[in-house]
Amino acid sequence: MISPGCILFSSFLCYVALAVQTCPRPDDLPYATVVPLKTSYDLGEEIVYSCKLGYESRGGIRRFTCPLSGLWPVNTLKCTPRVCPFAGILENGAVRYTSFEYPNSISFSCNPGYYLNGTHTATCTEEGKWSEDLPVCALVTCPPPPVPPFARLSVYRPTSGSSSLYKDVVVFECIPHYVMIGNSAITCTEYGKWTEVPECREVKCPFPPRPNHGFVNYPSKLTLYYKDKATYGCHNTYVLEGPEEVECTRHGNWSAQPSCKASCQLSVKRATVLYDGERVKLQEKFKNGMMHGDIVSFFCKNKEKKCSYTVAAQCIDGTISIPKCFKEHSSLAFWKSDASDVRSC
């Protein structure tokens, strides 16, 4: 005989089985797919969880069957990105990255003086492999430098056959009579090109003028060019002011224009003066006159203090101003002292 309790329990199980006939839509998991994916499932229906392309799980796929309870079992599936292997070391360059995981990318760059021979980027693929091979950083080279007209190579040492490498320098010089406009040295850049090439221009100078009371010598030819030279001189009793030799400059003019300055004839007949720190007799030292630029110091009296002081005077192109305080001493006034013999103030 079946007890009333057993009858009740069997009735409850039948009720539950009849009341729950489906399972709900399964939970979404990061980077995973569900097959088949529906809003509801019949009792006993199976679903399969698997990781998306580019992702993997240590436990592989997960299979679940819709149970009588209508509740899917706890799913512990974890899908993680595939990891690509170490990309390698780029010699003479750098590899920049944030992660080697799918679907990240890495980029390549070369040091100055090298260029990238190959791809600039590579991507970690779904298979966990890099989409591109590691590139190569090759040396930057510049072709033989172009020589501008009227110029020649002064320094040129190619370091790679007939080509030059990054930072190699070439120096030009212009042929005679020509002036260089720009930098004489050019450099092989990191882009495989030379910096700006200079220009050589012909420069002429007019014939140098002859100075008054003097002469000028220069090459005997129809035209005077850049770096040609001329020499100057003066006649007797005249002094050359400026350099003796001048040169035709890159601007088409002479480096200087010397002139001849006249000597000074002295109105004072007797005087003791200072010249180059020594006492000299004016009438003896400068009997032929003072040359342009010469400086002497005259002695003057300070009557109140009964002492002497000096005032300088210079010969400037034939003119000299005698200090007003100077009084020429007369040999007839033997009782008076010359200013040069009085103690200094």
Protein backbone atom coordinates (compact mmCIF):
# COMPACT_ATOMS: atom_id res chain seq x y z
CA MET A 1 0.00 0.00 0.00
CA ILE A 2 1.38 3.43 -1.06
CA SER A 3 1.56 5.92 1.72
CA PRO A 4 -0.15 9.27 1.35
CA GLY A 5 3.32 11.04 1.62
CA CYS A 6 4.70 9.28 -1.41
CA ILE A 7 1.67 10.17 -3.39
CA LEU A 8 2.07 13.86 -2.50
CA PHE A 9 5.81 13.95 -3.37
CA SER A 10 5.22 12.29 -6.74
CA SER A 11 2.49 14.77 -7.47
CA PHE A 12 4.93 17.68 -6.68
CA LEU A 13 7.58 16.33 -9.03
CA CYS A 14 5.04 16.00 -11.80
CA TYR A 15 3.94 19.56 -11.18
CA VAL A 16 7.49 20.89 -11.36
CA ALA A 17 8.24 18.91 -14.50
CA LEU A 18 5.15 20.22 -16.17
CA ALA A 19 5.57 23.83 -14.93
CA VAL A 20 9.28 24.34 -16.00
CA GLN A 21 9.65 23.37 -19.62
CA THR A 22 12.35 25.89 -20.88
CA CYS A 23 15.71 27.55 -19.99
CA PRO A 24 16.32 31.31 -20.48
CA ARG A 25 18.88 33.00 -22.74
CA PRO A 26 22.36 32.08 -21.38
CA ASP A 27 24.66 34.70 -19.89
CA ASP A 28 27.03 36.62 -22.15
CA LEU A 29 30.70 36.00 -21.49
CA PRO A 30 33.48 38.36 -22.66
CA TYR A 31 35.01 37.32 -26.01
CA ALA A 32 32.84 34.15 -26.16
CA THR A 33 30.02 32.94 -28.42
CA VAL A 34 27.05 30.63 -27.72
CA VAL A 35 25.70 28.18 -30.29
CA PRO A 36 22.83 28.11 -30.74
CA LEU A 37 21.88 31.48 -29.32
CA LYS A 38 18.16 31.85 -28.57
CA THR A 39 15.89 33.57 -26.12
CA SER A 40 14.72 30.23 -24.64
CA TYR A 41 15.65 26.54 -24.77
CA ASP A 42 13.64 23.32 -24.29
CA LEU A 43 14.49 20.87 -21.56
CA GLY A 44 17.41 18.71 -22.62
CA GLU A 45 18.52 21.13 -25.36
CA GLU A 46 22.31 21.60 -25.56
CA ILE A 47 24.36 24.78 -25.99
CA VAL A 48 28.09 25.18 -26.63
CA TYR A 49 30.27 28.07 -25.42
CA SER A 50 33.49 28.72 -27.34
CA CYS A 51 36.02 31.59 -27.50
CA LYS A 52 36.00 34.00 -30.39
CA LEU A 53 38.81 34.01 -32.95
CA GLY A 54 41.90 35.54 -31.41
CA TYR A 55 40.94 34.34 -27.91
CA GLU A 56 41.47 31.05 -26.14
CA SER A 57 40.59 29.19 -22.94
CA ARG A 58 42.62 26.63 -21.08
CA GLY A 59 39.53 24.52 -20.52
CA GLY A 60 38.42 24.60 -24.12
CA ILE A 61 34.70 24.68 -25.01
CA ARG A 62 31.87 24.34 -22.53
CA ARG A 63 28.75 22.22 -23.22
CA PHE A 64 25.57 22.62 -21.17
CA THR A 65 22.16 20.93 -21.29
CA CYS A 66 18.98 22.69 -20.25
CA PRO A 67 18.09 20.86 -16.93
CA LEU A 68 14.72 20.17 -15.32
CA SER A 69 15.36 23.14 -13.02
CA GLY A 70 15.42 25.50 -16.00
CA LEU A 71 18.64 27.10 -14.65
CA TRP A 72 21.89 26.91 -16.56
CA PRO A 73 24.87 25.60 -14.55
CA VAL A 74 27.56 28.03 -13.43
CA ASN A 75 29.86 28.77 -16.38
CA THR A 76 33.57 29.27 -15.48
CA LEU A 77 34.76 29.77 -19.06
CA LYS A 78 37.32 32.60 -19.41
CA CYS A 79 38.49 33.70 -22.85
CA THR A 80 41.83 35.53 -22.91
CA PRO A 81 43.56 37.15 -25.93
CA ARG A 82 46.15 35.15 -27.77
CA VAL A 83 49.71 36.40 -27.15
CA CYS A 84 52.14 36.80 -30.01
CA PRO A 85 55.77 35.86 -29.43
CA PHE A 86 58.52 38.43 -28.71
CA ALA A 87 58.91 40.42 -31.89
CA GLY A 88 62.70 40.61 -31.68
CA ILE A 89 65.30 43.38 -31.39
CA LEU A 90 65.49 45.91 -34.21
CA GLU A 91 69.19 46.69 -34.62
CA ASN A 92 69.84 50.44 -35.01
CA GLY A 93 66.18 51.09 -34.31
CA ALA A 94 63.36 50.64 -31.80
CA VAL A 95 60.18 48.55 -31.43
CA ARG A 96 57.31 50.40 -29.76
CA TYR A 97 54.40 48.51 -28.23
CA THR A 98 51.85 48.48 -25.42
CA SER A 99 51.10 44.74 -25.47
CA PHE A 100 51.84 41.65 -27.56
CA GLU A 101 48.21 40.47 -27.20
CA TYR A 102 45.68 40.18 -29.99
CA PRO A 103 44.65 42.53 -31.64
CA ASN A 104 47.34 45.07 -30.65
CA SER A 105 49.95 46.40 -33.04
CA ILE A 106 53.63 47.28 -32.73
CA SER A 107 55.50 49.97 -34.64
CA PHE A 108 59.09 50.22 -35.86
CA SER A 109 61.43 53.20 -36.19
CA CYS A 110 65.11 53.63 -36.99
CA ASN A 111 67.82 55.73 -35.38
CA PRO A 112 69.02 58.88 -37.19
CA GLY A 113 71.20 57.87 -40.11
CA TYR A 114 69.17 54.73 -40.84
CA TYR A 115 66.02 54.16 -42.85
CA LEU A 116 63.33 51.50 -42.44
CA ASN A 117 63.57 48.75 -45.04
CA GLY A 118 60.27 46.94 -44.56
CA THR A 119 56.99 47.53 -42.78
CA HIS A 120 56.33 50.32 -40.29
CA THR A 121 53.78 48.31 -38.24
CA ALA A 122 52.78 44.72 -37.50
CA THR A 123 49.57 43.37 -35.89
CA CYS A 124 49.10 40.36 -33.63
CA THR A 125 46.70 38.16 -35.64
CA GLU A 126 43.93 35.74 -34.56
CA GLU A 127 46.41 32.89 -34.85
CA GLY A 128 48.81 34.53 -32.40
CA LYS A 129 51.35 35.40 -35.11
CA TRP A 130 52.66 38.76 -36.31
CA SER A 131 51.20 39.96 -39.58
CA GLU A 132 54.58 41.19 -40.85
CA ASP A 133 58.21 40.19 -40.46
CA LEU A 134 60.65 42.33 -38.51
CA PRO A 135 62.03 45.05 -40.82
CA VAL A 136 65.67 46.11 -41.17
CA CYS A 137 67.26 49.49 -40.39
CA ALA A 138 69.62 50.19 -43.28
CA LEU A 139 72.27 52.90 -43.44
CA VAL A 140 71.25 56.19 -45.03
CA THR A 141 73.51 57.07 -47.97
CA CYS A 142 73.82 60.18 -50.10
CA PRO A 143 74.82 60.09 -53.77
CA PRO A 144 77.97 61.89 -54.96
CA PRO A 145 77.44 65.61 -54.26
CA PRO A 146 76.55 67.97 -57.11
CA VAL A 147 79.44 70.37 -57.79
CA PRO A 148 78.18 73.91 -58.52
CA PRO A 149 79.55 75.80 -61.55
CA PHE A 150 82.96 77.47 -61.04
CA ALA A 151 83.56 75.39 -57.90
CA ARG A 152 85.65 72.36 -57.02
CA LEU A 153 85.70 69.82 -54.21
CA SER A 154 88.08 70.72 -51.41
CA VAL A 155 87.17 67.90 -49.01
CA TYR A 156 85.37 64.76 -50.19
CA ARG A 157 85.89 61.35 -48.61
CA PRO A 158 83.02 58.95 -49.46
CA THR A 159 82.71 56.28 -46.76
CA SER A 160 80.56 53.79 -48.65
CA GLY A 161 81.97 53.17 -52.10
CA SER A 162 81.08 56.20 -54.18
CA SER A 163 78.37 57.25 -51.69
CA SER A 164 78.49 59.12 -48.42
CA LEU A 165 76.87 58.22 -45.12
CA TYR A 166 74.71 60.24 -42.76
CA LYS A 167 76.59 63.27 -41.32
CA ASP A 168 79.43 63.01 -43.85
CA VAL A 169 80.65 66.47 -44.86
CA VAL A 170 81.78 67.79 -48.23
CA VAL A 171 83.60 71.11 -48.60
CA PHE A 172 83.70 73.22 -51.79
CA GLU A 173 85.95 76.05 -52.87
CA CYS A 174 85.48 78.46 -55.74
CA ILE A 175 88.02 78.80 -58.52
CA PRO A 176 90.01 82.07 -58.55
CA HIS A 177 88.06 85.31 -59.07
CA TYR A 178 84.85 83.71 -57.83
CA VAL A 179 83.17 84.27 -54.44
CA MET A 180 81.22 81.61 -52.56
CA ILE A 181 77.63 82.55 -51.72
CA GLY A 182 76.33 80.24 -48.99
CA ASN A 183 77.96 77.66 -46.78
CA SER A 184 81.11 76.07 -48.22
CA ALA A 185 80.37 72.81 -46.35
CA ILE A 186 77.34 70.61 -47.02
CA THR A 187 76.20 67.60 -44.97
CA CYS A 188 74.53 64.29 -45.80
CA THR A 189 71.19 64.42 -43.96
CA GLU A 190 69.15 61.63 -42.39
CA TYR A 191 66.87 61.78 -45.45
CA GLY A 192 69.66 60.78 -47.87
CA LYS A 193 69.96 64.27 -49.34
CA TRP A 194 72.65 66.94 -49.16
CA THR A 195 72.06 70.27 -47.50
CA GLU A 196 71.89 73.32 -49.77
CA VAL A 197 74.78 73.60 -52.23
CA PRO A 198 76.56 77.01 -52.36
CA GLU A 199 76.98 79.22 -55.43
CA CYS A 200 80.15 80.69 -56.93
CA ARG A 201 79.88 84.22 -58.39
CA GLU A 202 82.49 86.23 -60.28
CA VAL A 203 83.44 89.44 -58.44
CA LYS A 204 85.26 92.42 -59.99
CA CYS A 205 86.68 95.53 -58.34
CA PRO A 206 87.27 98.96 -59.89
CA PHE A 207 90.84 100.18 -60.24
CA PRO A 208 91.98 101.55 -56.86
CA PRO A 209 92.29 105.36 -56.79
CA ARG A 210 95.71 107.00 -56.39
CA PRO A 211 95.92 109.00 -53.14
CA ASN A 212 96.98 112.63 -53.17
CA HIS A 213 100.72 112.93 -52.56
CA GLY A 214 101.13 109.19 -52.98
CA PHE A 215 100.99 106.22 -55.34
CA VAL A 216 99.28 102.83 -55.73
CA ASN A 217 100.49 99.67 -57.42
CA TYR A 218 98.22 96.85 -58.64
CA PRO A 219 98.37 93.96 -61.15
CA SER A 220 98.77 95.07 -64.73
CA LYS A 221 95.65 93.63 -66.33
CA LEU A 222 92.39 94.83 -67.81
CA THR A 223 90.18 93.74 -64.93
CA LEU A 224 90.81 93.32 -61.21
CA TYR A 225 89.06 90.42 -59.50
CA TYR A 226 88.25 89.08 -56.04
CA LYS A 227 91.38 88.67 -53.85
CA ASP A 228 93.57 90.76 -56.17
CA LYS A 229 95.80 93.08 -54.12
CA ALA A 230 97.07 96.63 -54.36
CA THR A 231 99.88 98.37 -52.40
CA TYR A 232 100.02 102.02 -51.36
CA GLY A 233 102.84 104.42 -50.56
CA CYS A 234 103.35 108.17 -49.96
CA HIS A 235 105.84 110.77 -51.12
CA ASN A 236 108.43 112.28 -48.76
CA THR A 237 107.10 114.17 -45.70
CA TYR A 238 103.75 112.37 -46.04
CA VAL A 239 102.54 109.49 -43.91
CA LEU A 240 100.28 106.65 -45.10
CA GLU A 241 97.12 106.41 -43.04
CA GLY A 242 95.65 102.93 -43.42
CA PRO A 243 97.12 99.57 -44.47
CA GLU A 244 99.91 99.39 -46.97
CA GLU A 245 98.21 96.49 -48.77
CA VAL A 246 94.51 96.25 -49.63
CA GLU A 247 92.47 93.45 -51.21
CA CYS A 248 89.50 93.20 -53.55
CA THR A 249 86.69 91.88 -51.30
CA ARG A 250 83.77 89.55 -51.95
CA HIS A 251 81.52 92.65 -52.15
CA GLY A 252 83.34 94.11 -55.16
CA ASN A 253 85.14 96.90 -53.27
CA TRP A 254 88.57 97.35 -51.70
CA SER A 255 89.19 96.34 -48.09
CA ALA A 256 90.43 99.89 -47.28
CA GLN A 257 91.20 103.22 -48.95
CA PRO A 258 94.49 104.52 -47.55
CA SER A 259 95.41 108.21 -47.81
CA CYS A 260 98.59 110.28 -47.46
CA LYS A 261 98.70 112.79 -44.60
CA ALA A 262 100.95 115.85 -44.55
CA SER A 263 103.65 116.60 -41.96
CA CYS A 264 103.46 119.65 -39.68
CA GLN A 265 105.84 122.59 -39.81
CA LEU A 266 106.38 124.05 -36.34
CA SER A 267 106.05 127.74 -35.55
CA VAL A 268 107.90 127.24 -32.26
CA LYS A 269 111.66 127.56 -32.59
CA ARG A 270 112.79 126.67 -29.09
CA ALA A 271 111.07 124.30 -26.71
CA THR A 272 111.75 121.32 -24.53
CA VAL A 273 108.93 118.79 -24.93
CA LEU A 274 108.04 115.23 -23.95
CA TYR A 275 108.13 112.71 -26.78
CA ASP A 276 107.60 109.03 -26.12
CA GLY A 277 108.25 109.67 -22.41
CA GLU A 278 111.57 111.46 -22.95
CA ARG A 279 112.57 115.14 -22.84
CA VAL A 280 113.75 116.28 -26.27
CA LYS A 281 114.61 119.59 -27.94
CA LEU A 282 111.79 120.35 -30.35
CA GLN A 283 114.06 122.18 -32.77
CA GLU A 284 116.44 119.23 -32.93
CA LYS A 285 114.09 116.26 -32.91
CA PHE A 286 111.68 117.73 -35.43
CA LYS A 287 113.92 119.97 -37.52
CA ASN A 288 112.24 118.62 -40.68
CA GLY A 289 108.77 118.91 -39.15
CA MET A 290 106.50 116.53 -37.26
CA MET A 291 105.03 113.61 -39.12
CA HIS A 292 101.29 113.03 -39.18
CA GLY A 293 100.20 111.31 -36.00
CA ASP A 294 103.19 112.36 -33.87
CA ILE A 295 102.33 113.58 -30.36
CA VAL A 296 104.40 115.83 -28.12
CA SER A 297 103.65 117.38 -24.74
CA PHE A 298 104.47 121.06 -24.09
CA PHE A 299 105.39 122.35 -20.62
CA CYS A 300 103.22 125.13 -19.19
CA LYS A 301 103.59 127.15 -15.94
CA ASN A 302 101.09 127.40 -13.13
CA LYS A 303 102.07 130.81 -11.77
CA GLU A 304 99.91 130.59 -8.66
CA LYS A 305 101.35 127.28 -7.53
CA LYS A 306 104.77 127.96 -9.09
CA CYS A 307 104.88 124.55 -10.77
CA SER A 308 104.61 123.12 -14.28
CA TYR A 309 102.26 120.78 -16.12
CA THR A 310 102.11 119.34 -19.65
CA VAL A 311 99.57 119.67 -22.46
CA ALA A 312 99.64 117.28 -25.45
CA ALA A 313 99.52 118.37 -29.10
CA GLN A 314 99.25 116.11 -32.15
CA CYS A 315 100.12 116.64 -35.79
CA ILE A 316 96.99 115.95 -37.85
CA ASP A 317 97.44 116.10 -41.63
CA GLY A 318 99.69 119.16 -41.62
CA THR A 319 98.08 120.96 -38.70
CA ILE A 320 99.13 121.14 -35.06
CA SER A 321 97.64 123.38 -32.39
CA ILE A 322 100.22 124.72 -29.95
CA PRO A 323 98.74 124.92 -26.42
CA LYS A 324 97.82 128.48 -25.48
CA CYS A 325 99.42 128.07 -22.08
CA PHE A 326 102.83 127.42 -23.65
CA LYS A 327 105.24 130.39 -23.65
CA GLU A 328 108.35 130.10 -25.72
CA HIS A 329 111.40 130.84 -23.52
CA SER A 330 113.72 133.59 -24.67
CA SER A 331 117.47 133.24 -24.14
CA LEU A 332 117.61 136.97 -23.41
CA ALA A 333 115.44 136.57 -20.30
CA PHE A 334 118.16 134.62 -18.50
CA TRP A 335 116.70 135.42 -15.10
CA LYS A 336 113.49 133.56 -15.92
CA SER A 337 113.20 129.75 -15.63
CA ASP A 338 111.89 127.72 -18.56
CA ALA A 339 108.67 125.87 -17.78
CA SER A 340 110.43 122.54 -18.41
CA ASP A 341 112.84 123.33 -15.55
CA VAL A 342 110.11 124.08 -13.00
CA ARG A 343 108.98 121.30 -10.66
CA SER A 344 105.88 119.38 -11.69
CA CYS A 345 102.58 120.27 -10.08
